[in-house]
N, C-alpha and C. Protein backbone atom coordinates (compact mmCIF):
# COMPACT_ATOMS: atom_id res chain seq x y z
N MET A 1 12.46 -2.64 -142.65
CA MET A 1 13.90 -2.18 -143.16
C MET A 1 14.83 -2.58 -142.50
N ALA A 2 15.74 -3.49 -142.60
CA ALA A 2 16.91 -3.77 -141.64
C ALA A 2 18.28 -2.85 -141.68
N LYS A 3 18.94 -2.52 -140.24
CA LYS A 3 19.86 -1.80 -140.27
C LYS A 3 20.88 -2.23 -139.41
N LEU A 4 22.40 -2.27 -139.76
CA LEU A 4 23.21 -2.94 -139.15
C LEU A 4 23.25 -2.26 -137.84
N ARG A 5 23.34 -2.78 -136.71
CA ARG A 5 23.31 -2.11 -135.32
C ARG A 5 24.43 -2.52 -134.55
N HIS A 6 25.37 -3.56 -134.72
CA HIS A 6 26.13 -3.87 -133.72
C HIS A 6 27.22 -4.91 -134.59
N ILE A 7 28.49 -4.65 -134.19
CA ILE A 7 29.58 -5.61 -134.57
C ILE A 7 30.28 -5.99 -133.21
N ALA A 8 30.17 -7.42 -133.08
CA ALA A 8 30.73 -7.97 -132.13
C ALA A 8 32.28 -8.61 -132.50
N ILE A 9 32.85 -8.07 -131.24
CA ILE A 9 34.73 -8.52 -131.38
C ILE A 9 34.57 -9.58 -130.04
N ALA A 10 35.40 -10.61 -130.58
CA ALA A 10 35.78 -11.63 -129.22
C ALA A 10 37.04 -11.18 -128.96
N ALA A 11 37.10 -10.84 -127.87
CA ALA A 11 38.29 -10.37 -127.18
C ALA A 11 38.95 -11.14 -126.00
N GLU A 12 40.39 -11.37 -125.73
CA GLU A 12 40.93 -11.82 -124.41
C GLU A 12 40.63 -11.31 -123.25
N ASN A 13 40.60 -10.08 -123.36
CA ASN A 13 40.66 -8.99 -122.40
C ASN A 13 39.70 -7.83 -122.90
N PRO A 14 38.10 -7.84 -122.76
CA PRO A 14 37.44 -6.90 -123.50
C PRO A 14 37.41 -5.45 -122.53
N PHE A 15 37.96 -5.74 -121.45
CA PHE A 15 37.69 -4.31 -120.44
C PHE A 15 38.94 -3.66 -121.07
N GLU A 16 40.27 -3.95 -121.42
CA GLU A 16 41.43 -3.38 -122.21
C GLU A 16 41.03 -3.39 -123.82
N THR A 17 40.33 -3.99 -124.25
CA THR A 17 40.18 -3.75 -125.60
C THR A 17 39.20 -2.38 -125.87
N ALA A 18 37.94 -2.58 -124.80
CA ALA A 18 37.44 -1.52 -124.70
C ALA A 18 37.70 -0.15 -124.78
N GLU A 19 38.91 -0.05 -123.74
CA GLU A 19 39.42 1.58 -123.50
C GLU A 19 40.52 1.80 -124.57
N PHE A 20 40.68 0.74 -125.30
CA PHE A 20 41.51 1.24 -126.83
C PHE A 20 40.58 1.94 -127.67
N TYR A 21 39.45 1.23 -127.67
CA TYR A 21 38.40 1.74 -129.05
C TYR A 21 37.76 3.10 -128.44
N LYS A 22 37.56 3.38 -127.11
CA LYS A 22 37.33 4.49 -126.47
C LYS A 22 38.18 5.70 -126.63
N LYS A 23 39.61 5.41 -126.51
CA LYS A 23 40.58 6.38 -126.65
C LYS A 23 40.71 6.56 -128.09
N ALA A 24 40.90 5.56 -128.79
CA ALA A 24 41.11 6.08 -130.43
C ALA A 24 40.03 6.47 -131.05
N PHE A 25 38.62 6.37 -130.57
CA PHE A 25 37.71 6.65 -131.74
C PHE A 25 36.54 7.44 -130.90
N ALA A 26 36.79 7.76 -129.55
CA ALA A 26 35.80 8.56 -129.07
C ALA A 26 34.51 7.66 -128.73
N PHE A 27 34.54 6.36 -128.40
CA PHE A 27 33.04 5.73 -128.26
C PHE A 27 32.90 5.91 -126.91
N THR A 28 31.63 5.75 -126.47
CA THR A 28 31.04 5.93 -125.37
C THR A 28 30.83 4.54 -125.04
N GLU A 29 30.88 4.20 -123.45
CA GLU A 29 30.53 3.03 -122.93
C GLU A 29 29.00 3.20 -122.44
N VAL A 30 28.25 2.23 -123.05
CA VAL A 30 26.51 2.38 -122.83
C VAL A 30 26.44 1.22 -122.06
N GLY A 31 27.43 0.07 -121.76
CA GLY A 31 26.90 -0.96 -120.85
C GLY A 31 27.98 -2.08 -120.72
N ARG A 32 27.91 -2.68 -119.84
CA ARG A 32 29.08 -3.55 -119.14
C ARG A 32 28.51 -4.65 -118.32
N LYS A 33 28.87 -5.95 -118.53
CA LYS A 33 28.78 -7.11 -118.01
C LYS A 33 29.94 -7.52 -117.51
N GLU A 34 29.98 -7.78 -116.14
CA GLU A 34 31.32 -8.23 -115.52
C GLU A 34 31.45 -9.79 -115.14
N PHE A 35 32.49 -10.51 -115.47
CA PHE A 35 32.71 -11.78 -115.39
C PHE A 35 31.51 -12.34 -114.13
N SER A 36 30.95 -13.26 -114.40
CA SER A 36 30.62 -14.12 -113.69
C SER A 36 30.67 -15.82 -113.22
N ASN A 37 30.84 -16.00 -114.42
CA ASN A 37 31.40 -17.88 -114.53
C ASN A 37 32.10 -18.00 -115.66
N PRO A 38 32.62 -19.05 -115.60
CA PRO A 38 33.34 -19.40 -117.25
C PRO A 38 32.59 -19.68 -118.42
N GLU A 39 31.02 -20.03 -118.13
CA GLU A 39 30.31 -20.42 -119.21
C GLU A 39 29.38 -19.02 -119.62
N THR A 40 29.46 -18.03 -119.29
CA THR A 40 28.77 -16.93 -119.49
C THR A 40 29.87 -15.94 -120.19
N SER A 41 29.27 -15.33 -121.09
CA SER A 41 29.91 -14.05 -121.88
C SER A 41 30.08 -12.82 -120.85
N TYR A 42 31.36 -12.39 -121.02
CA TYR A 42 31.22 -11.02 -120.02
C TYR A 42 31.70 -10.03 -121.05
N GLY A 43 31.80 -8.56 -120.89
CA GLY A 43 32.72 -7.69 -121.54
C GLY A 43 31.61 -6.44 -121.62
N VAL A 44 32.08 -5.55 -122.57
CA VAL A 44 31.71 -3.92 -122.48
C VAL A 44 30.81 -3.43 -123.87
N PHE A 45 30.07 -2.94 -123.80
CA PHE A 45 29.09 -2.56 -124.88
C PHE A 45 29.36 -0.93 -125.48
N LEU A 46 29.93 -0.61 -126.41
CA LEU A 46 30.29 0.71 -126.92
C LEU A 46 29.42 1.12 -127.75
N SER A 47 29.31 2.72 -128.12
CA SER A 47 28.42 3.04 -129.11
C SER A 47 28.88 4.41 -129.69
N ASP A 48 28.71 4.91 -130.80
CA ASP A 48 29.20 5.87 -131.55
C ASP A 48 28.09 7.21 -131.51
N GLY A 49 26.87 6.00 -131.08
CA GLY A 49 25.59 7.02 -131.37
C GLY A 49 24.53 6.40 -132.52
N THR A 50 25.26 5.36 -133.29
CA THR A 50 24.46 4.91 -134.27
C THR A 50 24.91 3.28 -134.18
N ILE A 51 25.95 3.06 -134.29
CA ILE A 51 26.45 1.64 -134.34
C ILE A 51 26.94 1.48 -132.81
N SER A 52 26.50 -0.11 -132.54
CA SER A 52 27.07 -0.54 -131.46
C SER A 52 28.31 -1.43 -131.60
N LEU A 53 29.51 -1.22 -130.64
CA LEU A 53 30.37 -2.26 -130.71
C LEU A 53 30.51 -3.26 -129.36
N ALA A 54 30.03 -4.47 -129.54
CA ALA A 54 30.16 -5.46 -128.40
C ALA A 54 31.56 -6.19 -128.10
N ILE A 55 31.96 -5.50 -127.13
CA ILE A 55 33.63 -6.18 -127.02
C ILE A 55 33.54 -7.20 -126.12
N LEU A 56 33.36 -8.68 -126.20
CA LEU A 56 33.10 -10.00 -125.41
C LEU A 56 34.11 -10.73 -125.18
N HIS A 57 34.24 -11.53 -124.09
CA HIS A 57 34.97 -12.76 -124.06
C HIS A 57 33.50 -13.76 -124.05
N PHE A 58 33.78 -14.56 -124.74
CA PHE A 58 32.74 -15.50 -125.19
C PHE A 58 32.90 -16.63 -124.20
N GLY A 59 31.84 -16.96 -123.45
CA GLY A 59 32.03 -18.28 -122.72
C GLY A 59 31.34 -19.32 -123.22
N TRP A 60 31.15 -19.45 -124.36
CA TRP A 60 30.36 -20.64 -124.95
C TRP A 60 30.71 -20.20 -126.41
N ASP A 61 30.93 -21.55 -127.17
CA ASP A 61 30.93 -21.37 -128.65
C ASP A 61 29.76 -21.11 -129.38
N GLN A 62 29.72 -19.96 -129.84
CA GLN A 62 28.89 -19.51 -130.78
C GLN A 62 29.29 -19.59 -132.11
N GLY A 63 29.99 -20.76 -132.53
CA GLY A 63 30.15 -21.11 -134.18
C GLY A 63 31.67 -20.89 -134.68
N HIS A 64 32.57 -19.94 -133.73
CA HIS A 64 33.85 -19.82 -134.23
C HIS A 64 35.10 -20.80 -133.35
N GLY A 65 34.48 -21.31 -132.43
CA GLY A 65 35.31 -22.08 -131.43
C GLY A 65 35.44 -21.10 -130.08
N ILE A 66 35.44 -21.64 -129.15
CA ILE A 66 35.55 -20.57 -128.02
C ILE A 66 36.81 -19.61 -127.69
N ASP A 67 37.91 -20.38 -128.42
CA ASP A 67 39.24 -19.59 -128.63
C ASP A 67 39.36 -18.36 -129.42
N PHE A 68 38.33 -18.08 -130.46
CA PHE A 68 38.38 -17.10 -131.45
C PHE A 68 38.46 -15.93 -131.11
N ARG A 69 39.64 -15.01 -131.70
CA ARG A 69 39.42 -13.77 -131.44
C ARG A 69 39.52 -12.79 -132.76
N GLY A 70 38.79 -11.66 -132.88
CA GLY A 70 38.82 -10.89 -133.84
C GLY A 70 36.84 -10.72 -134.03
N ILE A 71 36.78 -10.26 -134.92
CA ILE A 71 35.51 -9.82 -135.34
C ILE A 71 34.79 -11.34 -135.42
N HIS A 72 33.66 -10.91 -134.77
CA HIS A 72 33.23 -12.47 -134.57
C HIS A 72 31.58 -12.54 -135.10
N HIS A 73 30.55 -11.35 -135.09
CA HIS A 73 29.63 -11.43 -135.75
C HIS A 73 29.17 -10.04 -135.88
N LEU A 74 28.20 -9.90 -136.85
CA LEU A 74 27.29 -8.84 -136.88
C LEU A 74 25.93 -8.64 -136.65
N GLY A 75 25.53 -7.83 -136.02
CA GLY A 75 23.94 -7.69 -135.79
C GLY A 75 23.20 -6.83 -136.80
N PHE A 76 21.71 -7.10 -136.64
CA PHE A 76 20.77 -6.49 -137.66
C PHE A 76 19.49 -6.34 -136.79
N VAL A 77 19.28 -4.91 -136.58
CA VAL A 77 17.61 -4.91 -136.18
C VAL A 77 16.90 -4.57 -137.41
N VAL A 78 15.61 -5.69 -137.51
CA VAL A 78 14.60 -5.75 -138.09
C VAL A 78 13.51 -5.27 -137.59
N ASP A 79 12.24 -5.44 -138.72
CA ASP A 79 11.11 -4.86 -138.20
C ASP A 79 10.30 -6.10 -137.94
N ASP A 80 10.61 -7.26 -138.58
CA ASP A 80 9.31 -8.41 -138.18
C ASP A 80 10.72 -9.70 -138.30
N LEU A 81 10.88 -9.82 -136.93
CA LEU A 81 11.72 -10.96 -136.56
C LEU A 81 11.55 -12.49 -137.12
N ASP A 82 10.11 -12.63 -137.09
CA ASP A 82 9.67 -13.94 -137.33
C ASP A 82 9.49 -14.00 -138.89
N GLY A 83 9.21 -12.96 -139.50
CA GLY A 83 9.52 -12.96 -141.15
C GLY A 83 10.71 -12.96 -141.70
N VAL A 84 11.42 -12.21 -141.01
CA VAL A 84 13.00 -12.12 -141.55
C VAL A 84 13.54 -13.58 -141.23
N THR A 85 13.31 -14.01 -140.16
CA THR A 85 14.07 -15.29 -139.83
C THR A 85 13.71 -16.32 -140.81
N GLN A 86 12.20 -16.53 -141.07
CA GLN A 86 11.59 -17.21 -142.47
C GLN A 86 12.06 -17.13 -143.73
N ASP A 87 12.32 -15.80 -143.70
CA ASP A 87 13.10 -15.60 -145.08
C ASP A 87 14.59 -15.95 -145.09
N LEU A 88 15.23 -15.59 -144.06
CA LEU A 88 16.78 -16.31 -144.08
C LEU A 88 17.11 -17.63 -144.49
N GLU A 89 16.23 -18.14 -143.62
CA GLU A 89 16.19 -20.00 -143.85
C GLU A 89 15.90 -20.49 -144.93
N SER A 90 14.90 -19.68 -145.73
CA SER A 90 14.65 -20.09 -147.15
C SER A 90 15.61 -19.85 -147.87
N MET A 91 16.51 -18.77 -147.64
CA MET A 91 17.57 -18.73 -148.55
C MET A 91 19.24 -19.33 -148.08
N GLY A 92 18.53 -20.18 -147.16
CA GLY A 92 19.77 -21.10 -147.20
C GLY A 92 20.44 -20.71 -145.70
N ALA A 93 20.13 -19.93 -144.74
CA ALA A 93 20.89 -19.47 -143.58
C ALA A 93 20.72 -20.54 -142.84
N ASN A 94 21.40 -20.75 -141.82
CA ASN A 94 21.25 -21.71 -140.74
C ASN A 94 21.00 -20.84 -139.70
N CYS A 95 19.84 -21.59 -139.07
CA CYS A 95 19.47 -20.48 -137.78
C CYS A 95 19.69 -21.57 -136.71
N PHE A 96 21.08 -21.11 -135.83
CA PHE A 96 21.28 -22.02 -134.87
C PHE A 96 20.98 -21.83 -133.52
N GLU A 97 20.42 -20.83 -133.13
CA GLU A 97 19.88 -20.45 -132.14
C GLU A 97 18.60 -19.00 -132.13
N LYS A 98 17.48 -19.75 -131.72
CA LYS A 98 16.13 -18.68 -132.10
C LYS A 98 15.98 -18.36 -130.18
N ARG A 99 15.65 -17.05 -130.38
CA ARG A 99 15.04 -16.52 -129.21
C ARG A 99 13.76 -17.43 -128.45
N PRO A 100 13.95 -17.56 -127.37
CA PRO A 100 12.85 -18.37 -126.70
C PRO A 100 11.70 -17.62 -126.93
N LYS A 101 10.48 -18.58 -127.12
CA LYS A 101 9.19 -17.99 -127.20
C LYS A 101 9.10 -17.25 -125.78
N ASN A 102 7.87 -16.27 -126.15
CA ASN A 102 7.23 -15.44 -125.20
C ASN A 102 8.74 -14.76 -123.90
N THR A 103 9.59 -14.35 -124.60
CA THR A 103 10.84 -13.76 -124.17
C THR A 103 10.80 -12.34 -124.04
N LEU A 104 10.83 -11.66 -122.78
CA LEU A 104 10.79 -10.34 -122.61
C LEU A 104 12.07 -10.07 -122.65
N GLY A 105 12.23 -8.67 -123.44
CA GLY A 105 13.88 -8.16 -123.54
C GLY A 105 14.53 -8.37 -124.61
N TYR A 106 15.79 -8.25 -124.70
CA TYR A 106 16.62 -8.16 -125.60
C TYR A 106 16.97 -9.61 -125.85
N SER A 107 16.57 -10.16 -127.15
CA SER A 107 17.29 -11.69 -127.41
C SER A 107 17.26 -11.72 -128.89
N GLU A 108 17.92 -12.47 -129.54
CA GLU A 108 17.85 -12.31 -130.99
C GLU A 108 17.87 -14.19 -131.51
N ASN A 109 17.90 -13.90 -132.99
CA ASN A 109 18.19 -15.19 -133.36
C ASN A 109 19.47 -15.30 -134.06
N LYS A 110 20.20 -16.50 -134.01
CA LYS A 110 21.46 -16.21 -134.72
C LYS A 110 21.72 -17.21 -135.70
N PHE A 111 22.31 -16.89 -136.86
CA PHE A 111 22.40 -17.50 -138.20
C PHE A 111 24.12 -17.78 -138.42
N ILE A 112 24.24 -18.75 -139.14
CA ILE A 112 25.57 -18.83 -140.33
C ILE A 112 25.01 -18.75 -141.38
N GLY A 113 25.64 -17.87 -142.26
CA GLY A 113 25.31 -17.25 -143.53
C GLY A 113 26.31 -17.80 -144.38
N PRO A 114 26.24 -17.13 -145.56
CA PRO A 114 27.24 -17.49 -146.93
C PRO A 114 29.14 -17.42 -146.21
N ASP A 115 29.72 -18.19 -146.66
CA ASP A 115 30.84 -17.99 -146.16
C ASP A 115 31.18 -17.94 -144.70
N LYS A 116 30.40 -18.65 -143.93
CA LYS A 116 30.56 -18.79 -142.77
C LYS A 116 30.43 -17.81 -141.83
N VAL A 117 29.79 -16.63 -142.25
CA VAL A 117 29.73 -15.10 -141.40
C VAL A 117 28.48 -15.52 -140.42
N ILE A 118 28.83 -15.31 -139.47
CA ILE A 118 27.91 -15.42 -138.33
C ILE A 118 27.03 -14.19 -138.05
N PHE A 119 25.81 -14.00 -137.93
CA PHE A 119 25.20 -12.76 -138.17
C PHE A 119 23.60 -13.18 -136.98
N ASP A 120 23.31 -12.06 -136.12
CA ASP A 120 22.09 -11.99 -135.51
C ASP A 120 20.95 -11.00 -136.05
N VAL A 121 19.68 -11.51 -136.14
CA VAL A 121 18.54 -10.62 -135.97
C VAL A 121 17.91 -10.31 -134.93
N VAL A 122 17.44 -9.18 -134.44
CA VAL A 122 16.38 -8.84 -133.33
C VAL A 122 15.62 -7.86 -133.91
N ASP A 123 14.30 -7.74 -133.29
CA ASP A 123 13.51 -6.69 -133.68
C ASP A 123 13.36 -5.68 -132.71
N GLN A 124 14.35 -5.64 -131.81
CA GLN A 124 14.89 -4.46 -130.74
C GLN A 124 16.15 -4.26 -130.57
N PRO A 125 16.54 -2.78 -130.49
CA PRO A 125 18.08 -2.51 -130.25
C PRO A 125 18.22 -2.55 -128.91
N TRP A 126 19.72 -2.69 -128.57
CA TRP A 126 20.09 -2.25 -126.99
C TRP A 126 19.56 -0.99 -126.74
N LEU A 127 18.94 -1.05 -125.23
CA LEU A 127 18.50 0.54 -125.05
C LEU A 127 19.79 1.33 -124.55
N GLY A 128 19.78 2.53 -124.93
CA GLY A 128 20.73 3.47 -125.02
C GLY A 128 21.92 3.48 -125.91
N ALA A 129 21.92 2.15 -126.77
CA ALA A 129 23.18 1.70 -127.67
C ALA A 129 23.02 2.78 -128.98
N THR A 130 21.86 3.31 -129.31
CA THR A 130 21.58 4.00 -130.83
C THR A 130 21.23 4.92 -130.38
N LYS A 131 20.71 5.85 -131.55
CA LYS A 131 20.01 7.51 -131.63
C LYS A 131 18.47 6.95 -131.82
N ASP A 132 18.21 5.98 -132.94
CA ASP A 132 17.05 5.67 -133.11
C ASP A 132 16.62 3.95 -132.86
């Protein structure tokens, strides 16, 4: 069974944006990635205990253009990444980035679905981001 696990926001200043959501909705910060170079995404990961909110400054185009700001994509946790990927592709979803083979740790498959909505699927949630 798939579960919605994160919403990603593309922000100009992810640290200021994260402070807004922490103050406004009592989200807890569960992770942070500092700026390292212009081609790498960085930002803050928040959670309410169920859903994660990834607030990022993207370092490379993931489908919307590098300067896009706003709700960027949705992320789903699934039981069978390969099976779901195959099902999505058979339904016409374009997988534009697949998790490298033999990858240890968190990595997902990224898709463009109906109406150009970007989403990713993964078979393991971010550690500490959710209750289950």
